[in-house]
Protein backbone atom coordinates (compact mmCIF):
# COMPACT_ATOMS: atom_id res chain seq x y z
CA MET A 1 2.10 -10.45 9.01
CA TYR A 2 0.52 -7.28 8.26
CA VAL A 3 1.32 -5.64 11.63
CA ARG A 4 4.95 -6.47 11.24
CA MET A 5 5.05 -4.88 7.73
CA MET A 6 3.18 -1.67 8.90
CA THR A 7 5.26 -1.42 12.08
CA ALA A 8 8.52 -1.76 10.09
CA LEU A 9 7.22 0.95 7.79
CA ALA A 10 6.58 3.29 10.58
CA VAL A 11 10.15 2.56 12.04
CA ALA A 12 11.58 3.16 8.53
CA TRP A 13 9.88 6.53 8.32
CA VAL A 14 11.35 7.60 11.67
CA ALA A 15 14.75 6.84 10.17
CA ILE A 16 14.01 8.54 6.88
CA MET A 17 12.57 11.65 8.59
CA GLY A 18 15.29 12.08 11.05
CA ALA A 19 14.91 15.75 10.93
CA ALA A 20 12.01 15.55 13.32
CA ALA A 21 13.35 17.58 16.22
CA ALA A 22 13.55 16.25 19.77
CA GLN A 23 12.90 19.69 21.22
CA ALA A 24 10.19 22.26 20.99
CA PRO A 25 10.71 24.59 17.83
CA GLY A 26 12.84 27.47 18.87
CA SER A 27 12.74 26.87 22.48
CA GLY A 28 15.74 24.77 23.15
CA ALA A 29 13.62 22.86 25.75
CA PRO A 30 12.62 19.29 25.44
CA ASP A 31 8.87 18.90 24.28
CA PRO A 32 7.32 16.43 26.53
CA LEU A 33 4.84 15.47 23.68
CA ILE A 34 7.82 14.04 21.71
CA ALA A 35 8.57 11.55 24.50
CA ALA A 36 4.80 10.61 24.47
CA LEU A 37 4.88 10.01 20.68
CA THR A 38 7.85 7.78 20.95
CA PRO A 39 7.13 5.03 23.35
CA ALA A 40 9.15 1.83 23.74
CA PRO A 41 7.76 -0.59 21.01
CA ALA A 42 6.77 -3.16 23.62
CA THR A 43 4.55 -0.59 25.16
CA LEU A 44 2.26 -0.81 22.28
CA GLU A 45 1.66 -4.47 22.95
CA THR A 46 -0.58 -3.47 25.90
CA PRO A 47 -3.97 -1.67 25.85
CA ALA A 48 -2.84 1.04 28.20
CA GLY A 49 0.26 1.79 26.03
CA ARG A 50 -1.88 2.10 22.83
CA ALA A 51 -4.41 4.31 24.68
CA ALA A 52 -1.46 6.55 25.99
CA LEU A 53 -0.12 6.94 22.44
CA LEU A 54 -3.61 7.69 21.06
CA ALA A 55 -4.01 10.48 23.61
CA ALA A 56 -0.59 11.81 22.62
CA LEU A 57 -1.68 11.80 18.96
CA THR A 58 -4.80 13.68 19.90
CA SER A 59 -2.57 16.33 21.64
CA ALA A 60 -0.50 16.48 18.46
CA GLN A 61 -3.30 17.23 16.11
CA GLY A 62 -2.77 20.62 14.48
CA ARG A 63 0.99 20.58 15.30
CA SER A 64 2.49 20.53 11.85
CA ASP A 65 6.00 20.90 13.31
CA LEU A 66 5.50 17.34 14.74
CA ASP A 67 4.18 15.85 11.48
CA ASP A 68 7.13 13.46 10.77
CA ILE A 69 7.20 11.97 14.30
CA ALA A 70 3.42 12.03 14.78
CA TYR A 71 2.89 10.22 11.42
CA ALA A 72 5.38 7.35 12.41
CA ALA A 73 3.71 7.04 15.74
CA ALA A 74 0.27 6.92 14.18
CA MET A 75 1.20 4.30 11.62
CA SER A 76 2.72 2.18 14.39
CA LEU A 77 -0.32 2.46 16.53
CA GLY A 78 -2.60 1.53 13.64
CA ALA A 79 -0.64 -1.55 12.95
CA HIS A 80 -0.58 -2.68 16.59
CA ALA A 81 -4.34 -1.78 17.12
CA LEU A 82 -5.19 -3.76 14.01
CA SER A 83 -3.19 -6.77 15.22
CA ALA A 84 -5.00 -6.56 18.62
CA GLY A 85 -8.37 -6.44 16.91
CA ASP A 86 -9.13 -3.03 18.15
CA TYR A 87 -10.59 -1.67 14.91
CA PRO A 88 -11.98 1.65 16.23
CA MET A 89 -8.59 2.58 17.47
CA ALA A 90 -6.91 1.49 14.34
CA HIS A 91 -9.21 3.62 12.20
CA ARG A 92 -8.50 6.59 14.49
CA ALA A 93 -4.66 5.97 14.12
CA TRP A 94 -4.87 5.84 10.39
CA ASP A 95 -6.85 8.96 10.28
CA ASP A 96 -4.16 10.63 12.44
CA ALA A 97 -1.49 9.36 10.19
CA ALA A 98 -3.21 10.92 7.07
CA GLY A 99 -3.66 14.21 8.99
CA HIS A 100 0.13 14.41 9.59
CA SER A 101 1.13 13.32 5.91
CA GLY A 102 1.65 17.11 5.14
CA THR A 103 1.16 18.67 1.81
CA THR A 104 4.79 19.35 0.36
CA PRO A 105 6.60 17.99 -1.42
CA VAL A 106 3.50 16.83 -3.17
CA ALA A 107 4.79 13.17 -4.09
CA ARG A 108 5.94 12.69 -0.52
CA ALA A 109 2.55 13.72 0.80
CA VAL A 110 0.83 11.49 -1.64
CA LEU A 111 2.88 8.42 -0.50
CA LEU A 112 2.41 9.17 3.15
CA ARG A 113 -1.36 9.58 2.88
CA SER A 114 -1.80 6.56 0.60
CA ARG A 115 -0.05 4.43 3.18
CA ALA A 116 -2.38 5.62 5.81
CA HIS A 117 -5.46 5.10 3.58
CA THR A 118 -4.29 1.63 2.81
CA GLY A 119 -4.10 0.77 6.37
CA ASP A 120 -7.57 2.09 7.04
CA ALA A 121 -9.03 0.05 4.22
CA VAL A 122 -7.27 -3.13 5.27
CA THR A 123 -8.68 -2.56 8.89
CA THR A 124 -12.16 -2.49 7.35
CA ILE A 125 -11.60 -5.68 5.51
CA PHE A 126 -10.55 -7.40 8.81
CA GLU A 127 -13.26 -5.79 10.79
CA TYR A 128 -15.89 -7.37 8.52
CA GLY A 129 -14.09 -10.43 7.59
CA THR A 130 -16.59 -12.63 9.54
CA ARG A 131 -19.69 -10.64 9.27
CA ASP A 132 -20.49 -9.64 5.64
CA SER A 133 -21.31 -6.11 4.92
CA ALA A 134 -21.74 -5.02 1.26
CA SER A 135 -21.42 -1.33 2.26
CA ALA A 136 -18.36 -1.77 4.37
CA ARG A 137 -16.73 -3.99 1.65
CA ASP A 138 -17.58 -1.27 -1.02
CA GLN A 139 -16.09 1.37 1.20
CA ALA A 140 -12.80 -0.56 1.72
CA TYR A 141 -12.32 -1.35 -1.98
CA ALA A 142 -13.28 2.25 -3.05
CA GLU A 143 -10.76 3.56 -0.67
CA LEU A 144 -8.03 1.23 -2.10
CA GLN A 145 -8.98 2.31 -5.72
CA GLN A 146 -8.49 5.81 -4.70
CA VAL A 147 -5.19 4.97 -3.34
CA ALA A 148 -4.30 3.28 -6.53
CA VAL A 149 -5.36 6.34 -8.67
CA ASP A 150 -3.24 8.75 -6.37
CA LEU A 151 -0.18 6.49 -6.47
CA TYR A 152 -0.11 5.23 -10.07
CA PRO A 153 1.51 8.28 -11.81
CA TYR A 154 4.37 7.85 -9.48
CA ALA A 155 4.42 4.04 -9.53
CA ILE A 156 4.99 4.06 -13.39
CA LEU A 157 8.23 6.07 -12.87
CA ASN A 158 11.32 3.99 -12.50
CA ARG A 159 14.61 4.48 -10.76
CA ASP A 160 17.67 4.59 -12.99
CA ASP A 161 18.94 1.33 -11.38
CA GLY A 162 15.52 -0.32 -11.97
CA GLN A 163 15.04 -1.08 -8.23
CA LEU A 164 11.58 -0.97 -6.69
CA THR A 165 10.56 2.47 -5.54
CA PRO A 166 8.50 3.19 -2.37
CA PHE A 167 5.59 4.28 -4.72
CA GLN A 168 5.68 0.92 -6.52
CA GLU A 169 5.71 -0.97 -3.27
CA ALA A 170 2.80 1.10 -1.92
CA TYR A 171 0.76 0.80 -5.17
CA ALA A 172 1.35 -2.86 -5.36
CA GLU A 173 0.07 -3.31 -1.70
CA ALA A 174 -3.06 -1.31 -2.40
CA ILE A 175 -3.98 -3.10 -5.60
CA GLY A 176 -3.14 -6.52 -4.14
CA TRP A 177 -5.80 -6.07 -1.37
CA ARG A 178 -8.16 -4.46 -3.93
CA ASP A 179 -7.79 -7.22 -6.50
CA ALA A 180 -8.07 -9.83 -3.85
CA GLY A 181 -11.59 -8.47 -2.90
CA ARG A 182 -12.55 -8.17 -6.52
CA ALA A 183 -11.63 -11.75 -7.18
CA ARG A 184 -14.01 -12.95 -4.43
CA TYR A 185 -16.84 -10.49 -5.01
CA THR A 186 -18.53 -8.93 -8.01
CA PRO A 187 -15.70 -7.12 -10.15
CA GLN A 188 -16.05 -3.52 -10.74
CA PRO A 189 -14.48 -1.49 -13.38
CA THR A 190 -11.47 0.70 -12.53
CA ALA A 191 -11.10 4.36 -13.58
CA PRO A 192 -8.64 5.18 -16.51
CA MET A 193 -5.16 5.71 -15.02
CA HIS A 194 -2.94 8.62 -15.82
CA ASP A 195 0.79 9.38 -15.99
CA ILE A 196 2.57 12.21 -14.19
CA ASN A 197 1.82 14.52 -17.02
CA GLY A 198 -2.00 13.72 -16.95
CA ALA A 199 -2.01 11.60 -20.20
CA VAL A 200 -4.26 8.57 -20.08
CA VAL A 201 -2.32 5.24 -19.85
CA CYS A 202 -3.33 2.59 -22.15
CA PRO A 203 -4.86 -0.59 -20.57
CA VAL A 204 -2.96 -3.58 -21.68
CA ARG A 205 -3.59 -7.34 -22.14
CA TRP A 206 -1.16 -10.29 -21.76
CA HIS A 207 -0.60 -12.58 -24.70
CA GLY A 208 1.67 -15.60 -25.33
CA ASN A 209 0.50 -18.40 -23.01
CA ASN A 210 -3.07 -19.51 -23.08
CA ASP A 211 -2.81 -21.60 -19.93
CA VAL A 212 -0.87 -19.03 -17.89
CA LEU A 213 -3.57 -18.83 -15.14
CA GLN A 214 -3.61 -22.68 -14.80
CA SER A 215 0.32 -22.83 -14.68
CA LEU A 216 0.38 -20.26 -11.99
CA SER A 217 -2.44 -21.71 -9.95
CA LEU A 218 -0.76 -25.18 -9.81
CA ALA A 219 2.36 -23.53 -8.28
CA HIS A 220 0.30 -22.58 -5.14
CA THR A 221 -2.49 -25.18 -4.94
CA ASN A 222 -2.61 -25.28 -1.09
CA VAL A 223 -1.34 -21.67 -0.31
CA SER A 224 -3.56 -18.82 0.84
CA ALA A 225 -1.77 -15.78 -0.46
CA LEU A 226 -1.60 -12.96 -2.88
CA ALA A 227 1.33 -11.39 -4.75
CA VAL A 228 1.65 -8.42 -6.97
CA PHE A 229 4.48 -8.42 -9.50
CA ARG A 230 6.13 -5.29 -11.06
CA ILE A 231 6.94 -6.06 -14.85
CA LEU A 232 9.37 -3.84 -16.85
CA THR A 233 8.92 -4.06 -20.66
CA ASP A 234 10.65 -2.89 -23.68
CA ASP A 235 8.99 -1.12 -26.63
CA SER A 236 7.56 -4.30 -27.97
CA GLY A 237 5.84 -5.25 -24.72
CA ALA A 238 8.23 -8.04 -23.84
CA PRO A 239 9.20 -8.19 -20.18
CA THR A 240 12.69 -7.28 -19.43
CA LYS A 241 12.53 -7.58 -15.56
CA VAL A 242 10.10 -9.02 -13.12
CA ASP A 243 10.03 -8.35 -9.40
CA VAL A 244 7.74 -9.24 -6.56
CA ALA A 245 6.43 -5.84 -5.59
CA TYR A 246 4.16 -6.97 -2.63
CA ALA A 247 3.41 -10.43 -1.23
CA GLN A 248 1.72 -11.66 1.93
CA THR A 249 4.05 -14.55 2.49
CA THR A 250 7.82 -15.25 2.01
CA GLU A 251 6.96 -17.96 -0.67
CA ASN A 252 9.30 -18.34 -3.52
CA HIS A 253 7.66 -16.81 -6.70
CA ALA A 254 10.28 -17.86 -9.12
CA ARG A 255 7.80 -19.96 -11.18
CA GLU A 256 5.36 -17.21 -11.49
CA MET A 257 8.00 -14.85 -12.58
CA ALA A 258 9.35 -17.28 -15.19
CA VAL A 259 5.79 -17.69 -16.65
CA ILE A 260 5.16 -13.92 -16.72
CA SER A 261 8.56 -13.39 -18.36
CA ARG A 262 7.32 -15.40 -21.28
CA LEU A 263 4.14 -13.24 -21.82
CA HIS A 264 3.87 -10.12 -24.05
CA ALA A 265 1.92 -6.97 -23.24
CA GLN A 266 -0.17 -5.51 -25.93
CA ARG A 267 -2.53 -2.43 -26.02
CA ALA A 268 -6.02 -3.57 -25.18
CA THR A 269 -8.56 -3.44 -28.13
CA ASP A 270 -10.85 -0.95 -26.11
CA ALA A 271 -8.02 1.36 -25.11
CA PRO A 272 -8.86 4.96 -25.67
CA ALA A 273 -7.30 6.93 -28.56
CA ASN A 274 -4.10 8.68 -27.94
CA CYS A 275 -3.30 6.73 -24.87
CA VAL A 276 0.27 6.29 -23.73
CA MET A 277 1.57 2.64 -23.51
CA PRO A 278 3.36 2.07 -20.07
CA HIS A 279 6.65 0.34 -19.76
CA VAL A 280 6.00 -0.42 -15.95
CA LEU A 281 3.16 -2.89 -15.48
CA PHE A 282 1.66 -4.46 -12.32
CA GLN A 283 0.00 -7.93 -12.16
CA SER A 284 -1.77 -9.36 -9.16
CA LEU A 285 -2.16 -13.08 -8.68
CA ILE A 286 -4.57 -14.41 -6.12
CA PHE A 287 -3.82 -17.87 -5.13
CA ALA A 288 -6.44 -18.37 -2.39
CA TYR A 289 -8.69 -16.16 -0.50
CA GLY A 290 -7.75 -14.64 2.80
CA PRO A 291 -9.90 -12.18 4.98
CA TYR A 292 -10.69 -10.14 1.86
């Protein structure tokens, strides 16, 4: 499931970043490295194909003119290596992707880099899924928490049409994996979040249904899954729209969304003074444990 999602992401970025030239800058001649960075998808199903792409990515290091195409290639390689259980290669691929995320525009760079770091953290989670390691686990969840901090100012900005943004989807994915781990292991406090202007965003608490967790758990008694919902609220804290921002399965989440729609967001009693109440909220629901 995860490899399909990450590979689809890489393909999407190839389309979005169509400005990546198929020729060497200024030369008018084909750049052989371009071909090496764009192998046929089936090639990555083989160890030799993955090794060849990793070699091409090594050659592309420092080539900022190839950032777009190298980023997509690295994301695809990371997903395939993770699926194949080649964790060292997956980590190297995510590092390469982060290195090709660029610096401008800032928001775009944050999104690309965050996607790469999420892939790296998830790889660590799978790598140690059957051999417990507190330090590796802490490393993975710290990386996911940093991704959340970086993405959050953009994730609470809405499109005019109310549709999910790439930042909201990326943020939901990161906190879904993070919160799944924290549900299983000792919870750790999260740092205060800030909006795009640097103001502290108020932590909130849900009210209006005391048995909400029981109601939602009953909907997925035998399902191993996590889902993260984006909730838009009005000035009173009442939900006006609930979407599935990230989910590991195609399960229908209509019941959960119906329950969430009956809740009410209020400023937490321990919220810092002068914090800003958000109108975009995210709620993770962990129905059963996976390889977290």
